[in-house]
Protein backbone atom coordinates (compact mmCIF):
# COMPACT_ATOMS: atom_id res chain seq x y z
CA UNK A 1 21.67 117.05 117.05
CA UNK A 2 21.12 114.49 119.79
CA UNK A 3 18.79 115.53 122.55
CA UNK A 4 20.32 113.35 125.25
CA UNK A 5 17.30 111.08 125.46
CA UNK A 6 16.71 109.50 128.82
CA UNK A 7 14.28 106.60 128.92
CA UNK A 8 13.19 105.28 132.27
CA UNK A 9 10.13 104.57 134.29
CA UNK A 10 8.50 104.15 137.65
CA UNK A 11 5.14 102.65 138.46
CA UNK A 12 3.41 103.28 141.76
CA UNK A 13 1.54 99.98 141.48
CA UNK A 14 4.89 98.20 141.74
CA UNK A 15 6.44 100.01 144.73
CA UNK A 16 9.11 97.38 145.38
CA UNK A 17 10.66 97.61 141.90
CA UNK A 18 14.28 98.64 142.36
CA UNK A 19 16.10 101.19 140.24
CA UNK A 20 17.70 98.24 138.44
CA UNK A 21 14.31 96.95 137.30
CA UNK A 22 12.07 99.80 136.23
CA UNK A 23 9.34 99.77 133.60
CA UNK A 24 9.15 101.50 130.21
CA UNK A 25 5.64 102.08 128.87
CA UNK A 26 5.16 102.09 125.11
CA UNK A 27 2.70 102.11 122.23
CA UNK A 28 3.26 100.64 118.75
CA UNK A 29 2.16 102.36 115.54
CA UNK A 30 2.11 101.61 111.82
CA UNK A 31 1.76 104.24 109.08
CA UNK A 32 -2.02 104.09 109.29
CA UNK A 33 -2.53 104.07 113.05
CA UNK A 34 -2.02 102.20 116.29
CA UNK A 35 -1.22 98.49 116.41
CA UNK A 36 -2.59 96.25 119.13
CA UNK A 37 0.14 95.10 121.47
CA UNK A 38 0.96 91.46 122.19
CA UNK A 39 1.37 92.32 125.88
CA UNK A 40 -1.65 94.26 127.06
CA UNK A 41 -1.65 95.67 130.55
CA UNK A 42 -5.38 96.40 130.66
CA UNK A 43 -8.29 94.65 128.97
CA UNK A 44 -9.78 98.00 127.91
CA UNK A 45 -6.57 99.46 126.39
CA UNK A 46 -5.25 97.17 123.67
CA UNK A 47 -2.49 99.58 122.61
CA UNK A 48 -0.55 100.21 125.85
CA UNK A 49 2.22 97.90 127.03
CA UNK A 50 5.36 97.94 129.18
CA UNK A 51 8.66 96.15 129.57
CA UNK A 52 11.17 95.78 132.37
CA UNK A 53 14.27 97.83 131.63
CA UNK A 54 16.59 94.98 132.60
CA UNK A 55 15.24 93.01 129.62
CA UNK A 56 16.95 95.44 127.20
CA UNK A 57 20.44 94.23 126.29
CA UNK A 58 23.38 96.62 126.48
CA UNK A 59 24.53 98.90 125.03
CA UNK A 60 21.55 100.97 126.07
CA UNK A 61 20.93 102.88 122.87
CA UNK A 62 17.75 103.79 121.05
CA UNK A 63 18.55 100.98 118.59
CA UNK A 64 18.76 98.35 121.35
CA UNK A 65 15.42 99.49 122.81
CA UNK A 66 13.82 99.39 119.34
CA UNK A 67 15.22 95.88 118.75
CA UNK A 68 13.79 94.66 122.04
CA UNK A 69 10.37 96.23 121.52
CA UNK A 70 10.13 94.87 117.97
CA UNK A 71 11.14 91.38 119.14
CA UNK A 72 8.63 91.53 122.01
CA UNK A 73 5.85 92.51 119.61
CA UNK A 74 6.70 89.94 116.92
CA UNK A 75 8.50 92.26 114.49
CA UNK A 76 12.05 91.02 115.17
CA UNK A 77 13.32 91.87 111.69
CA UNK A 78 11.47 95.19 111.43
CA UNK A 79 13.45 97.25 113.95
CA UNK A 80 15.53 98.81 111.16
CA UNK A 81 12.28 100.04 109.59
CA UNK A 82 11.07 101.78 112.72
CA UNK A 83 11.41 105.05 114.62
CA UNK A 84 11.26 105.70 118.35
CA UNK A 85 9.62 108.85 119.68
CA UNK A 86 10.39 109.77 123.29
CA UNK A 87 6.83 111.02 123.76
CA UNK A 88 3.55 110.86 121.87
CA UNK A 89 3.83 114.62 121.33
CA UNK A 90 7.34 114.56 119.80
CA UNK A 91 7.63 115.61 116.17
CA UNK A 92 11.10 114.10 115.65
CA UNK A 93 12.26 110.54 116.15
CA UNK A 94 15.35 109.90 118.26
CA UNK A 95 18.58 108.75 116.65
CA UNK A 96 19.45 105.04 116.84
CA UNK A 97 22.97 105.72 118.11
CA UNK A 98 21.86 107.85 121.07
CA UNK A 99 22.66 106.36 124.44
CA UNK A 100 19.76 106.26 126.87
CA UNK A 101 19.49 105.83 130.60
CA UNK A 102 16.91 103.15 131.18
CA UNK A 103 17.08 103.54 134.96
CA UNK A 104 16.32 107.25 135.36
CA UNK A 105 12.90 107.44 137.08
CA UNK A 106 11.71 110.57 135.25
CA UNK A 107 12.53 109.91 131.61
CA UNK A 108 10.29 109.17 128.63
CA UNK A 109 8.20 106.05 129.02
CA UNK A 110 8.13 106.50 132.78
CA UNK A 111 4.35 106.48 132.99
CA UNK A 112 1.43 104.96 131.16
CA UNK A 113 0.19 108.51 130.53
CA UNK A 114 3.33 109.44 128.57
CA UNK A 115 4.67 106.28 126.88
CA UNK A 116 7.33 106.13 124.21
CA UNK A 117 6.00 105.52 120.70
CA UNK A 118 7.52 102.98 118.32
CA UNK A 119 6.49 103.49 114.70
CA UNK A 120 7.09 100.41 112.53
CA UNK A 121 7.20 101.18 108.80
CA UNK A 122 7.32 97.55 107.65
CA UNK A 123 4.08 96.58 105.84
CA UNK A 124 3.97 93.32 107.81
CA UNK A 125 3.51 95.30 111.01
CA UNK A 126 -0.29 95.31 110.76
CA UNK A 127 -1.50 92.22 112.55
CA UNK A 128 -4.40 90.96 114.55
CA UNK A 129 -3.93 89.99 118.16
CA UNK A 130 -5.95 87.34 119.95
CA UNK A 131 -5.18 88.31 123.54
CA UNK A 132 -6.58 86.57 126.56
CA UNK A 133 -8.54 89.34 128.26
CA UNK A 134 -9.92 87.31 131.17
CA UNK A 135 -7.03 87.97 133.55
CA UNK A 136 -6.37 91.58 132.61
CA UNK A 137 -7.70 94.41 134.78
CA UNK A 138 -9.57 97.32 133.24
CA UNK A 139 -7.66 100.56 132.98
CA UNK A 140 -8.83 102.56 136.01
CA UNK A 141 -8.75 105.93 134.28
CA UNK A 142 -10.23 104.91 130.92
CA UNK A 143 -10.68 108.34 129.45
CA UNK A 144 -11.12 109.09 125.80
CA UNK A 145 -11.26 105.78 123.88
CA UNK A 146 -9.44 107.36 120.92
CA UNK A 147 -6.40 108.29 123.04
CA UNK A 148 -3.27 106.83 121.56
CA UNK A 149 -4.76 105.56 118.31
CA UNK A 150 -3.12 108.23 116.16
CA UNK A 151 0.37 109.63 115.98
CA UNK A 152 1.05 112.49 113.60
CA UNK A 153 4.25 112.06 111.60
CA UNK A 154 5.88 115.04 109.98
CA UNK A 155 8.23 114.66 106.99
CA UNK A 156 11.86 115.63 107.66
CA UNK A 157 12.66 119.27 106.96
CA UNK A 158 14.11 119.88 103.52
CA UNK A 159 12.78 116.57 102.16
């Protein structure tokens, strides 16, 4: 049932990033809504973050990406209690064993407008973040302030 997930990214604001060092944009969620990220990109969007693909250890599977994102966000032991969605609009999580191409420039997570979504089911996931906002730029296209604060989860079929 694998969908052949390809996770990659490209960011026009970093034109000299090689194919070996792309970015993956992501948002973190708990059961009751979005979680503030430890690594904000913009001072006016506390839920969006990104990582360099070369920071994800091989093998490049959904599980290895989940482990890295959880560790980056301070949930190192929670990756087993999480699901990765290739897009905010996906209704099904990807399988942990699926191999992913982190260096494909058009895959999920390739832009801040269509980040991957990591849902952490561990109750300890809810936390408060004291980020230093002084050096962060404002998101240039700050649209709807509620964008990205909710992710609708559907129970598995037949369950």
